[in-house]
């Protein structure tokens, strides 16, 4: 009876950070979800702050008009979001996460090579 009670409280296939079985009452739940939510909110704030700084940089140092610089930044943001969706689809449907990471890293490296 005690063994059945212990197995009911475990999450099958999940472990905690010490590689021990995760227990329903102690792991996960709203506390873990709130950490994920806060991390996502902070990431979104940082992304918007960087986008705003990119617009100001293009206006002041690249001498673009405000409308052109804002349009360039929104095109960049849209491309970043669409490529994230494409990478997620490829990772879920065809490749592993590691393979998707390697392919995107190689593409990024090729983009940074000087063109002659």
PDB file of N, CA and C in Angstrom:
ATOM      1  N   UNK A   1       0.810  -1.187   0.000  1.00  0.00           N
ATOM      2  CA  UNK A   1       0.000   0.000   0.000  1.00  0.00           C
ATOM      3  C   UNK A   1       0.864   1.266   0.000  1.00  0.00           C
ATOM      4  N   UNK A   2       1.931   1.257   0.759  1.00  0.00           N
ATOM      5  CA  UNK A   2       2.809   2.402   0.839  1.00  0.00           C
ATOM      6  C   UNK A   2       3.519   2.648  -0.487  1.00  0.00           C
ATOM      7  N   UNK A   3       3.882   1.593  -1.214  1.00  0.00           N
ATOM      8  CA  UNK A   3       4.537   1.727  -2.514  1.00  0.00           C
ATOM      9  C   UNK A   3       3.585   2.368  -3.527  1.00  0.00           C
ATOM     10  N   UNK A   4       2.313   1.977  -3.507  1.00  0.00           N
ATOM     11  CA  UNK A   4       1.337   2.568  -4.419  1.00  0.00           C
ATOM     12  C   UNK A   4       1.133   4.047  -4.109  1.00  0.00           C
ATOM     13  N   UNK A   5       1.089   4.406  -2.853  1.00  0.00           N
ATOM     14  CA  UNK A   5       0.913   5.801  -2.445  1.00  0.00           C
ATOM     15  C   UNK A   5       2.097   6.644  -2.910  1.00  0.00           C
ATOM     16  N   UNK A   6       3.323   6.095  -2.846  1.00  0.00           N
ATOM     17  CA  UNK A   6       4.511   6.823  -3.264  1.00  0.00           C
ATOM     18  C   UNK A   6       4.536   7.000  -4.775  1.00  0.00           C
ATOM     19  N   UNK A   7       4.069   6.010  -5.535  1.00  0.00           N
ATOM     20  CA  UNK A   7       4.078   6.114  -6.988  1.00  0.00           C
ATOM     21  C   UNK A   7       3.010   7.083  -7.493  1.00  0.00           C
ATOM     22  N   UNK A   8       1.936   7.235  -6.754  1.00  0.00           N
ATOM     23  CA  UNK A   8       0.890   8.159  -7.164  1.00  0.00           C
ATOM     24  C   UNK A   8       1.399   9.599  -7.114  1.00  0.00           C
ATOM     25  N   UNK A   9       2.239   9.918  -6.153  1.00  0.00           N
ATOM     26  CA  UNK A   9       2.715  11.288  -6.006  1.00  0.00           C
ATOM     27  C   UNK A   9       3.879  11.621  -6.938  1.00  0.00           C
ATOM     28  N   UNK A  10       4.449  10.663  -7.639  1.00  0.00           N
ATOM     29  CA  UNK A  10       5.557  10.934  -8.553  1.00  0.00           C
ATOM     30  C   UNK A  10       5.035  11.273  -9.943  1.00  0.00           C
ATOM     31  N   UNK A  11       5.807  12.066 -10.643  1.00  0.00           N
ATOM     32  CA  UNK A  11       5.549  12.314 -12.057  1.00  0.00           C
ATOM     33  C   UNK A  11       6.434  11.366 -12.838  1.00  0.00           C
ATOM     34  N   UNK A  12       5.832  10.471 -13.578  1.00  0.00           N
ATOM     35  CA  UNK A  12       6.602   9.476 -14.323  1.00  0.00           C
ATOM     36  C   UNK A  12       7.416  10.143 -15.427  1.00  0.00           C
ATOM     37  N   UNK A  13       8.695   9.838 -15.456  1.00  0.00           N
ATOM     38  CA  UNK A  13       9.569  10.357 -16.502  1.00  0.00           C
ATOM     39  C   UNK A  13      10.169  11.712 -16.215  1.00  0.00           C
ATOM     40  N   UNK A  14       9.833  12.342 -15.082  1.00  0.00           N
ATOM     41  CA  UNK A  14      10.365  13.658 -14.760  1.00  0.00           C
ATOM     42  C   UNK A  14      11.272  13.569 -13.539  1.00  0.00           C
ATOM     43  N   UNK A  15      12.349  14.353 -13.579  1.00  0.00           N
ATOM     44  CA  UNK A  15      13.284  14.403 -12.453  1.00  0.00           C
ATOM     45  C   UNK A  15      13.526  15.855 -12.081  1.00  0.00           C
ATOM     46  N   UNK A  16      14.013  16.060 -10.855  1.00  0.00           N
ATOM     47  CA  UNK A  16      14.344  17.410 -10.426  1.00  0.00           C
ATOM     48  C   UNK A  16      15.796  17.719 -10.804  1.00  0.00           C
ATOM     49  N   UNK A  17      16.311  18.827 -10.326  1.00  0.00           N
ATOM     50  CA  UNK A  17      17.654  19.232 -10.711  1.00  0.00           C
ATOM     51  C   UNK A  17      18.738  18.349 -10.099  1.00  0.00           C
ATOM     52  N   UNK A  18      18.391  17.537  -9.127  1.00  0.00           N
ATOM     53  CA  UNK A  18      19.348  16.585  -8.549  1.00  0.00           C
ATOM     54  C   UNK A  18      19.202  15.195  -9.158  1.00  0.00           C
ATOM     55  N   UNK A  19      18.415  15.081 -10.217  1.00  0.00           N
ATOM     56  CA  UNK A  19      18.180  13.832 -10.937  1.00  0.00           C
ATOM     57  C   UNK A  19      17.428  12.815 -10.085  1.00  0.00           C
ATOM     58  N   UNK A  20      16.614  13.286  -9.166  1.00  0.00           N
ATOM     59  CA  UNK A  20      15.749  12.430  -8.362  1.00  0.00           C
ATOM     60  C   UNK A  20      14.329  12.567  -8.889  1.00  0.00           C
ATOM     61  N   UNK A  21      13.462  11.580  -8.658  1.00  0.00           N
ATOM     62  CA  UNK A  21      12.088  11.653  -9.187  1.00  0.00           C
ATOM     63  C   UNK A  21      11.351  12.901  -8.695  1.00  0.00           C
ATOM     64  N   UNK A  22      10.635  13.546  -9.612  1.00  0.00           N
ATOM     65  CA  UNK A  22       9.867  14.741  -9.265  1.00  0.00           C
ATOM     66  C   UNK A  22       8.582  14.334  -8.565  1.00  0.00           C
ATOM     67  N   UNK A  23       8.273  15.025  -7.495  1.00  0.00           N
ATOM     68  CA  UNK A  23       7.068  14.755  -6.716  1.00  0.00           C
ATOM     69  C   UNK A  23       6.021  15.819  -7.016  1.00  0.00           C
ATOM     70  N   UNK A  24       4.772  15.401  -7.095  1.00  0.00           N
ATOM     71  CA  UNK A  24       3.699  16.319  -7.480  1.00  0.00           C
ATOM     72  C   UNK A  24       3.525  17.478  -6.506  1.00  0.00           C
ATOM     73  N   UNK A  25       3.645  17.248  -5.251  1.00  0.00           N
ATOM     74  CA  UNK A  25       3.420  18.307  -4.276  1.00  0.00           C
ATOM     75  C   UNK A  25       4.583  19.266  -4.124  1.00  0.00           C
ATOM     76  N   UNK A  26       5.775  18.873  -4.511  1.00  0.00           N
ATOM     77  CA  UNK A  26       6.960  19.693  -4.257  1.00  0.00           C
ATOM     78  C   UNK A  26       7.580  20.305  -5.495  1.00  0.00           C
ATOM     79  N   UNK A  27       7.332  19.770  -6.666  1.00  0.00           N
ATOM     80  CA  UNK A  27       7.984  20.240  -7.890  1.00  0.00           C
ATOM     81  C   UNK A  27       6.948  20.693  -8.909  1.00  0.00           C
ATOM     82  N   UNK A  28       7.320  21.705  -9.676  1.00  0.00           N
ATOM     83  CA  UNK A  28       6.404  22.222 -10.692  1.00  0.00           C
ATOM     84  C   UNK A  28       5.341  23.085 -10.068  1.00  0.00           C
ATOM     85  N   UNK A  29       4.210  23.169 -10.717  1.00  0.00           N
ATOM     86  CA  UNK A  29       3.090  23.940 -10.189  1.00  0.00           C
ATOM     87  C   UNK A  29       3.209  25.417 -10.481  1.00  0.00           C
ATOM     88  N   UNK A  30       2.508  26.208  -9.695  1.00  0.00           N
ATOM     89  CA  UNK A  30       2.436  27.642  -9.940  1.00  0.00           C
ATOM     90  C   UNK A  30       3.746  28.367  -9.651  1.00  0.00           C
ATOM     91  N   UNK A  31       4.543  27.861  -8.728  1.00  0.00           N
ATOM     92  CA  UNK A  31       5.812  28.519  -8.441  1.00  0.00           C
ATOM     93  C   UNK A  31       6.728  28.440  -9.659  1.00  0.00           C
ATOM     94  N   UNK A  32       6.852  27.273 -10.258  1.00  0.00           N
ATOM     95  CA  UNK A  32       7.690  27.123 -11.443  1.00  0.00           C
ATOM     96  C   UNK A  32       7.116  27.914 -12.610  1.00  0.00           C
ATOM     97  N   UNK A  33       5.793  27.920 -12.747  1.00  0.00           N
ATOM     98  CA  UNK A  33       5.168  28.664 -13.839  1.00  0.00           C
ATOM     99  C   UNK A  33       5.386  30.165 -13.677  1.00  0.00           C
ATOM    100  N   UNK A  34       5.383  30.649 -12.439  1.00  0.00           N
ATOM    101  CA  UNK A  34       5.607  32.080 -12.223  1.00  0.00           C
ATOM    102  C   UNK A  34       7.032  32.478 -12.575  1.00  0.00           C
ATOM    103  N   UNK A  35       8.014  31.621 -12.325  1.00  0.00           N
ATOM    104  CA  UNK A  35       9.391  31.920 -12.731  1.00  0.00           C
ATOM    105  C   UNK A  35       9.498  32.013 -14.249  1.00  0.00           C
ATOM    106  N   UNK A  36       8.840  31.112 -14.961  1.00  0.00           N
ATOM    107  CA  UNK A  36       8.860  31.144 -16.421  1.00  0.00           C
ATOM    108  C   UNK A  36       8.179  32.404 -16.924  1.00  0.00           C
ATOM    109  N   UNK A  37       7.059  32.763 -16.329  1.00  0.00           N
ATOM    110  CA  UNK A  37       6.334  33.958 -16.734  1.00  0.00           C
ATOM    111  C   UNK A  37       7.165  35.218 -16.524  1.00  0.00           C
ATOM    112  N   UNK A  38       7.815  35.334 -15.385  1.00  0.00           N
ATOM    113  CA  UNK A  38       8.661  36.503 -15.103  1.00  0.00           C
ATOM    114  C   UNK A  38       9.836  36.554 -16.085  1.00  0.00           C
ATOM    115  N   UNK A  39      10.440  35.417 -16.378  1.00  0.00           N
ATOM    116  CA  UNK A  39      11.553  35.398 -17.328  1.00  0.00           C
ATOM    117  C   UNK A  39      11.102  35.844 -18.719  1.00  0.00           C
ATOM    118  N   UNK A  40       9.929  35.426 -19.142  1.00  0.00           N
ATOM    119  CA  UNK A  40       9.405  35.830 -20.449  1.00  0.00           C
ATOM    120  C   UNK A  40       9.090  37.323 -20.483  1.00  0.00           C
ATOM    121  N   UNK A  41       8.549  37.855 -19.406  1.00  0.00           N
ATOM    122  CA  UNK A  41       8.240  39.282 -19.347  1.00  0.00           C
ATOM    123  C   UNK A  41       9.525  40.099 -19.425  1.00  0.00           C
ATOM    124  N   UNK A  42      10.552  39.696 -18.676  1.00  0.00           N
ATOM    125  CA  UNK A  42      11.822  40.422 -18.706  1.00  0.00           C
ATOM    126  C   UNK A  42      12.484  40.326 -20.081  1.00  0.00           C
ATOM    127  N   UNK A  43      12.361  39.168 -20.725  1.00  0.00           N
ATOM    128  CA  UNK A  43      12.925  39.018 -22.068  1.00  0.00           C
ATOM    129  C   UNK A  43      12.219  39.939 -23.054  1.00  0.00           C
ATOM    130  N   UNK A  44      10.907  40.029 -22.961  1.00  0.00           N
ATOM    131  CA  UNK A  44      10.152  40.914 -23.859  1.00  0.00           C
ATOM    132  C   UNK A  44      10.515  42.376 -23.625  1.00  0.00           C
ATOM    133  N   UNK A  45      10.677  42.767 -22.371  1.00  0.00           N
ATOM    134  CA  UNK A  45      11.077  44.143 -22.070  1.00  0.00           C
ATOM    135  C   UNK A  45      12.455  44.459 -22.638  1.00  0.00           C
ATOM    136  N   UNK A  46      13.383  43.521 -22.522  1.00  0.00           N
ATOM    137  CA  UNK A  46      14.722  43.738 -23.070  1.00  0.00           C
ATOM    138  C   UNK A  46      14.680  43.836 -24.589  1.00  0.00           C
ATOM    139  N   UNK A  47      13.862  43.021 -25.230  1.00  0.00           N
ATOM    140  CA  UNK A  47      13.762  43.052 -26.687  1.00  0.00           C
ATOM    141  C   UNK A  47      13.200  44.387 -27.164  1.00  0.00           C
ATOM    142  N   UNK A  48      12.163  44.880 -26.506  1.00  0.00           N
ATOM    143  CA  UNK A  48      11.564  46.168 -26.878  1.00  0.00           C
ATOM    144  C   UNK A  48      12.544  47.310 -26.613  1.00  0.00           C
ATOM    145  N   UNK A  49      13.283  47.242 -25.523  1.00  0.00           N
ATOM    146  CA  UNK A  49      14.272  48.282 -25.226  1.00  0.00           C
ATOM    147  C   UNK A  49      15.369  48.302 -26.285  1.00  0.00           C
ATOM    148  N   UNK A  50      15.829  47.131 -26.701  1.00  0.00           N
ATOM    149  CA  UNK A  50      16.841  47.086 -27.752  1.00  0.00           C
ATOM    150  C   UNK A  50      16.300  47.592 -29.075  1.00  0.00           C
ATOM    151  N   UNK A  51      15.054  47.292 -29.385  1.00  0.00           N
ATOM    152  CA  UNK A  51      14.456  47.797 -30.620  1.00  0.00           C
ATOM    153  C   UNK A  51      14.363  49.323 -30.596  1.00  0.00           C
ATOM    154  N   UNK A  52      13.990  49.883 -29.464  1.00  0.00           N
ATOM    155  CA  UNK A  52      13.929  51.335 -29.340  1.00  0.00           C
ATOM    156  C   UNK A  52      15.304  51.950 -29.507  1.00  0.00           C
ATOM    157  N   UNK A  53      16.311  51.334 -28.897  1.00  0.00           N
ATOM    158  CA  UNK A  53      17.670  51.839 -29.046  1.00  0.00           C
ATOM    159  C   UNK A  53      18.171  51.719 -30.480  1.00  0.00           C
ATOM    160  N   UNK A  54      17.735  50.675 -31.192  1.00  0.00           N
ATOM    161  CA  UNK A  54      18.128  50.540 -32.597  1.00  0.00           C
ATOM    162  C   UNK A  54      17.545  51.667 -33.439  1.00  0.00           C
ATOM    163  N   UNK A  55      16.314  52.060 -33.163  1.00  0.00           N
ATOM    164  CA  UNK A  55      15.701  53.168 -33.905  1.00  0.00           C
ATOM    165  C   UNK A  55      16.476  54.455 -33.647  1.00  0.00           C
ATOM    166  N   UNK A  56      16.782  54.727 -32.381  1.00  0.00           N
ATOM    167  CA  UNK A  56      17.538  55.944 -32.050  1.00  0.00           C
ATOM    168  C   UNK A  56      18.934  55.925 -32.661  1.00  0.00           C
ATOM    169  N   UNK A  57      19.572  54.762 -32.665  1.00  0.00           N
ATOM    170  CA  UNK A  57      20.908  54.649 -33.259  1.00  0.00           C
ATOM    171  C   UNK A  57      20.860  54.947 -34.755  1.00  0.00           C
ATOM    172  N   UNK A  58      19.857  54.404 -35.436  1.00  0.00           N
ATOM    173  CA  UNK A  58      19.755  54.630 -36.875  1.00  0.00           C
ATOM    174  C   UNK A  58      19.455  56.090 -37.201  1.00  0.00           C
ATOM    175  N   UNK A  59      18.693  56.741 -36.344  1.00  0.00           N
ATOM    176  CA  UNK A  59      18.386  58.157 -36.576  1.00  0.00           C
ATOM    177  C   UNK A  59      19.615  59.024 -36.329  1.00  0.00           C
ATOM    178  N   UNK A  60      20.292  58.820 -35.195  1.00  0.00           N
ATOM    179  CA  UNK A  60      21.373  59.719 -34.794  1.00  0.00           C
ATOM    180  C   UNK A  60      22.696  59.432 -35.489  1.00  0.00           C
ATOM    181  N   UNK A  61      23.062  58.166 -35.622  1.00  0.00           N
ATOM    182  CA  UNK A  61      24.395  57.847 -36.127  1.00  0.00           C
ATOM    183  C   UNK A  61      24.413  57.397 -37.579  1.00  0.00           C
ATOM    184  N   UNK A  62      23.324  56.825 -38.052  1.00  0.00           N
ATOM    185  CA  UNK A  62      23.283  56.406 -39.447  1.00  0.00           C
ATOM    186  C   UNK A  62      22.550  57.423 -40.316  1.00  0.00           C
ATOM    187  N   UNK A  63      22.040  58.468 -39.695  1.00  0.00           N
ATOM    188  CA  UNK A  63      21.393  59.601 -40.365  1.00  0.00           C
ATOM    189  C   UNK A  63      20.238  59.151 -41.261  1.00  0.00           C
ATOM    190  N   UNK A  64      19.430  58.221 -40.743  1.00  0.00           N
ATOM    191  CA  UNK A  64      18.218  57.806 -41.442  1.00  0.00           C
ATOM    192  C   UNK A  64      17.055  58.652 -40.941  1.00  0.00           C
ATOM    193  N   UNK A  65      16.019  58.728 -41.742  1.00  0.00           N
ATOM    194  CA  UNK A  65      14.821  59.433 -41.280  1.00  0.00           C
ATOM    195  C   UNK A  65      14.119  58.564 -40.234  1.00  0.00           C
ATOM    196  N   UNK A  66      13.326  59.176 -39.381  1.00  0.00           N
ATOM    197  CA  UNK A  66      12.623  58.378 -38.360  1.00  0.00           C
ATOM    198  C   UNK A  66      11.720  57.300 -38.944  1.00  0.00           C
ATOM    199  N   UNK A  67      11.043  57.600 -40.040  1.00  0.00           N
ATOM    200  CA  UNK A  67      10.154  56.591 -40.628  1.00  0.00           C
ATOM    201  C   UNK A  67      10.942  55.430 -41.231  1.00  0.00           C
ATOM    202  N   UNK A  68      12.063  55.732 -41.881  1.00  0.00           N
ATOM    203  CA  UNK A  68      12.880  54.661 -42.468  1.00  0.00           C
ATOM    204  C   UNK A  68      13.505  53.794 -41.389  1.00  0.00           C
ATOM    205  N   UNK A  69      13.996  54.420 -40.339  1.00  0.00           N
ATOM    206  CA  UNK A  69      14.627  53.631 -39.274  1.00  0.00           C
ATOM    207  C   UNK A  69      13.590  52.780 -38.535  1.00  0.00           C
ATOM    208  N   UNK A  70      12.412  53.314 -38.283  1.00  0.00           N
ATOM    209  CA  UNK A  70      11.366  52.533 -37.618  1.00  0.00           C
ATOM    210  C   UNK A  70      10.913  51.380 -38.504  1.00  0.00           C
ATOM    211  N   UNK A  71      10.802  51.624 -39.809  1.00  0.00           N
ATOM    212  CA  UNK A  71      10.425  50.561 -40.727  1.00  0.00           C
ATOM    213  C   UNK A  71      11.486  49.467 -40.777  1.00  0.00           C
ATOM    214  N   UNK A  72      12.750  49.843 -40.768  1.00  0.00           N
ATOM    215  CA  UNK A  72      13.841  48.867 -40.777  1.00  0.00           C
ATOM    216  C   UNK A  72      13.811  48.004 -39.516  1.00  0.00           C
ATOM    217  N   UNK A  73      13.578  48.625 -38.374  1.00  0.00           N
ATOM    218  CA  UNK A  73      13.544  47.877 -37.118  1.00  0.00           C
ATOM    219  C   UNK A  73      12.333  46.950 -37.056  1.00  0.00           C
ATOM    220  N   UNK A  74      11.179  47.400 -37.532  1.00  0.00           N
ATOM    221  CA  UNK A  74      10.021  46.515 -37.521  1.00  0.00           C
ATOM    222  C   UNK A  74      10.195  45.358 -38.492  1.00  0.00           C
ATOM    223  N   UNK A  75      10.883  45.585 -39.612  1.00  0.00           N
ATOM    224  CA  UNK A  75      11.200  44.474 -40.514  1.00  0.00           C
ATOM    225  C   UNK A  75      12.131  43.473 -39.837  1.00  0.00           C
ATOM    226  N   UNK A  76      13.096  43.977 -39.078  1.00  0.00           N
ATOM    227  CA  UNK A  76      14.015  43.110 -38.341  1.00  0.00           C
ATOM    228  C   UNK A  76      13.265  42.286 -37.295  1.00  0.00           C
ATOM    229  N   UNK A  77      12.371  42.926 -36.551  1.00  0.00           N
ATOM    230  CA  UNK A  77      11.613  42.230 -35.514  1.00  0.00           C
ATOM    231  C   UNK A  77      10.714  41.168 -36.129  1.00  0.00           C
ATOM    232  N   UNK A  78      10.035  41.513 -37.209  1.00  0.00           N
ATOM    233  CA  UNK A  78       9.173  40.545 -37.878  1.00  0.00           C
ATOM    234  C   UNK A  78       9.951  39.352 -38.401  1.00  0.00           C
ATOM    235  N   UNK A  79      11.120  39.609 -38.976  1.00  0.00           N
ATOM    236  CA  UNK A  79      11.963  38.514 -39.464  1.00  0.00           C
ATOM    237  C   UNK A  79      12.441  37.641 -38.317  1.00  0.00           C
ATOM    238  N   UNK A  80      12.803  38.256 -37.204  1.00  0.00           N
ATOM    239  CA  UNK A  80      13.257  37.479 -36.047  1.00  0.00           C
ATOM    240  C   UNK A  80      12.153  36.574 -35.518  1.00  0.00           C
ATOM    241  N   UNK A  81      10.938  37.092 -35.431  1.00  0.00           N
ATOM    242  CA  UNK A  81       9.824  36.278 -34.942  1.00  0.00           C
ATOM    243  C   UNK A  81       9.461  35.166 -35.913  1.00  0.00           C
ATOM    244  N   UNK A  82       9.460  35.450 -37.215  1.00  0.00           N
ATOM    245  CA  UNK A  82       9.124  34.420 -38.193  1.00  0.00           C
ATOM    246  C   UNK A  82      10.190  33.328 -38.252  1.00  0.00           C
ATOM    247  N   UNK A  83      11.462  33.717 -38.135  1.00  0.00           N
ATOM    248  CA  UNK A  83      12.516  32.702 -38.123  1.00  0.00           C
ATOM    249  C   UNK A  83      12.457  31.846 -36.865  1.00  0.00           C
ATOM    250  N   UNK A  84      12.012  32.425 -35.749  1.00  0.00           N
ATOM    251  CA  UNK A  84      11.833  31.625 -34.534  1.00  0.00           C
ATOM    252  C   UNK A  84      10.725  30.596 -34.725  1.00  0.00           C
ATOM    253  N   UNK A  85       9.637  30.986 -35.391  1.00  0.00           N
ATOM    254  CA  UNK A  85       8.568  30.034 -35.690  1.00  0.00           C
ATOM    255  C   UNK A  85       9.051  28.944 -36.641  1.00  0.00           C
ATOM    256  N   UNK A  86       9.818  29.328 -37.650  1.00  0.00           N
ATOM    257  CA  UNK A  86      10.347  28.344 -38.591  1.00  0.00           C
ATOM    258  C   UNK A  86      11.290  27.368 -37.890  1.00  0.00           C
ATOM    259  N   UNK A  87      12.163  27.883 -37.037  1.00  0.00           N
ATOM    260  CA  UNK A  87      13.073  27.008 -36.293  1.00  0.00           C
ATOM    261  C   UNK A  87      12.334  26.077 -35.360  1.00  0.00           C
ATOM    262  N   UNK A  88      11.301  26.569 -34.701  1.00  0.00           N
ATOM    263  CA  UNK A  88      10.502  25.713 -33.827  1.00  0.00           C
ATOM    264  C   UNK A  88       9.781  24.621 -34.592  1.00  0.00           C
ATOM    265  N   UNK A  89       9.244  24.964 -35.766  1.00  0.00           N
ATOM    266  CA  UNK A  89       8.572  23.960 -36.588  1.00  0.00           C
ATOM    267  C   UNK A  89       9.549  22.900 -37.073  1.00  0.00           C
ATOM    268  N   UNK A  90      10.708  23.340 -37.562  1.00  0.00           N
ATOM    269  CA  UNK A  90      11.709  22.370 -38.031  1.00  0.00           C
ATOM    270  C   UNK A  90      12.194  21.483 -36.892  1.00  0.00           C
ATOM    271  N   UNK A  91      12.380  22.076 -35.726  1.00  0.00           N
ATOM    272  CA  UNK A  91      12.851  21.318 -34.576  1.00  0.00           C
ATOM    273  C   UNK A  91      11.824  20.289 -34.123  1.00  0.00           C
ATOM    274  N   UNK A  92      10.544  20.636 -34.159  1.00  0.00           N
ATOM    275  CA  UNK A  92       9.504  19.713 -33.717  1.00  0.00           C
ATOM    276  C   UNK A  92       9.159  18.666 -34.764  1.00  0.00           C
ATOM    277  N   UNK A  93       9.151  19.052 -36.030  1.00  0.00           N
ATOM    278  CA  UNK A  93       8.639  18.161 -37.064  1.00  0.00           C
ATOM    279  C   UNK A  93       9.705  17.269 -37.681  1.00  0.00           C
ATOM    280  N   UNK A  94      10.892  17.798 -37.932  1.00  0.00           N
ATOM    281  CA  UNK A  94      11.860  17.053 -38.724  1.00  0.00           C
ATOM    282  C   UNK A  94      13.178  16.777 -38.013  1.00  0.00           C
ATOM    283  N   UNK A  95      13.653  17.722 -37.239  1.00  0.00           N
ATOM    284  CA  UNK A  95      14.988  17.633 -36.646  1.00  0.00           C
ATOM    285  C   UNK A  95      14.889  17.616 -35.126  1.00  0.00           C
ATOM    286  N   UNK A  96      16.029  17.380 -34.490  1.00  0.00           N
ATOM    287  CA  UNK A  96      16.081  17.550 -33.040  1.00  0.00           C
ATOM    288  C   UNK A  96      16.446  19.003 -32.738  1.00  0.00           C
ATOM    289  N   UNK A  97      16.295  19.388 -31.498  1.00  0.00           N
ATOM    290  CA  UNK A  97      16.644  20.747 -31.108  1.00  0.00           C
ATOM    291  C   UNK A  97      18.126  21.012 -31.330  1.00  0.00           C
ATOM    292  N   UNK A  98      18.951  20.018 -31.055  1.00  0.00           N
ATOM    293  CA  UNK A  98      20.390  20.179 -31.234  1.00  0.00           C
ATOM    294  C   UNK A  98      20.744  20.369 -32.707  1.00  0.00           C
ATOM    295  N   UNK A  99      20.121  19.590 -33.592  1.00  0.00           N
ATOM    296  CA  UNK A  99      20.399  19.727 -35.020  1.00  0.00           C
ATOM    297  C   UNK A  99      19.949  21.096 -35.534  1.00  0.00           C
ATOM    298  N   UNK A 100      18.810  21.562 -35.069  1.00  0.00           N
ATOM    299  CA  UNK A 100      18.333  22.885 -35.469  1.00  0.00           C
ATOM    300  C   UNK A 100      19.291  23.962 -34.990  1.00  0.00           C
ATOM    301  N   UNK A 101      19.790  23.827 -33.780  1.00  0.00           N
ATOM    302  CA  UNK A 101      20.766  24.781 -33.249  1.00  0.00           C
ATOM    303  C   UNK A 101      22.044  24.772 -34.084  1.00  0.00           C
ATOM    304  N   UNK A 102      22.531  23.597 -34.443  1.00  0.00           N
ATOM    305  CA  UNK A 102      23.751  23.518 -35.248  1.00  0.00           C
ATOM    306  C   UNK A 102      23.559  24.150 -36.623  1.00  0.00           C
ATOM    307  N   UNK A 103      22.450  23.864 -37.258  1.00  0.00           N
ATOM    308  CA  UNK A 103      22.198  24.431 -38.587  1.00  0.00           C
ATOM    309  C   UNK A 103      22.094  25.955 -38.521  1.00  0.00           C
ATOM    310  N   UNK A 104      21.368  26.474 -37.539  1.00  0.00           N
ATOM    311  CA  UNK A 104      21.249  27.928 -37.425  1.00  0.00           C
ATOM    312  C   UNK A 104      22.584  28.567 -37.051  1.00  0.00           C
ATOM    313  N   UNK A 105      23.408  27.885 -36.274  1.00  0.00           N
ATOM    314  CA  UNK A 105      24.731  28.422 -35.937  1.00  0.00           C
ATOM    315  C   UNK A 105      25.629  28.475 -37.160  1.00  0.00           C
ATOM    316  N   UNK A 106      25.568  27.451 -37.998  1.00  0.00           N
ATOM    317  CA  UNK A 106      26.371  27.451 -39.227  1.00  0.00           C
ATOM    318  C   UNK A 106      25.911  28.566 -40.157  1.00  0.00           C
ATOM    319  N   UNK A 107      24.593  28.752 -40.275  1.00  0.00           N
ATOM    320  CA  UNK A 107      24.081  29.844 -41.109  1.00  0.00           C
ATOM    321  C   UNK A 107      24.521  31.202 -40.581  1.00  0.00           C
ATOM    322  N   UNK A 108      24.511  31.372 -39.267  1.00  0.00           N
ATOM    323  CA  UNK A 108      24.972  32.624 -38.667  1.00  0.00           C
ATOM    324  C   UNK A 108      26.462  32.840 -38.924  1.00  0.00           C
ATOM    325  N   UNK A 109      27.246  31.790 -38.838  1.00  0.00           N
ATOM    326  CA  UNK A 109      28.678  31.891 -39.108  1.00  0.00           C
ATOM    327  C   UNK A 109      28.921  32.253 -40.564  1.00  0.00           C
ATOM    328  N   UNK A 110      28.201  31.639 -41.485  1.00  0.00           N
ATOM    329  CA  UNK A 110      28.355  31.955 -42.904  1.00  0.00           C
ATOM    330  C   UNK A 110      27.947  33.395 -43.202  1.00  0.00           C
ATOM    331  N   UNK A 111      26.953  33.892 -42.480  1.00  0.00           N
ATOM    332  CA  UNK A 111      26.521  35.271 -42.686  1.00  0.00           C
ATOM    333  C   UNK A 111      27.593  36.259 -42.251  1.00  0.00           C
ATOM    334  N   UNK A 112      28.375  35.879 -41.254  1.00  0.00           N
ATOM    335  CA  UNK A 112      29.388  36.811 -40.723  1.00  0.00           C
ATOM    336  C   UNK A 112      30.709  36.770 -41.484  1.00  0.00           C
ATOM    337  N   UNK A 113      30.880  35.820 -42.387  1.00  0.00           N
ATOM    338  CA  UNK A 113      32.112  35.765 -43.170  1.00  0.00           C
ATOM    339  C   UNK A 113      32.164  36.954 -44.132  1.00  0.00           C
ATOM    340  N   UNK A 114      33.354  37.499 -44.346  1.00  0.00           N
ATOM    341  CA  UNK A 114      33.452  38.652 -45.260  1.00  0.00           C
ATOM    342  C   UNK A 114      33.172  38.217 -46.709  1.00  0.00           C
ATOM    343  N   UNK A 115      32.489  39.072 -47.419  1.00  0.00           N
ATOM    344  CA  UNK A 115      32.154  38.814 -48.819  1.00  0.00           C
ATOM    345  C   UNK A 115      33.167  39.548 -49.688  1.00  0.00           C
ATOM    346  N   UNK A 116      33.696  38.820 -50.669  1.00  0.00           N
ATOM    347  CA  UNK A 116      34.686  39.458 -51.554  1.00  0.00           C
ATOM    348  C   UNK A 116      34.123  39.662 -52.929  1.00  0.00           C
TER     349      UNK A 116
END
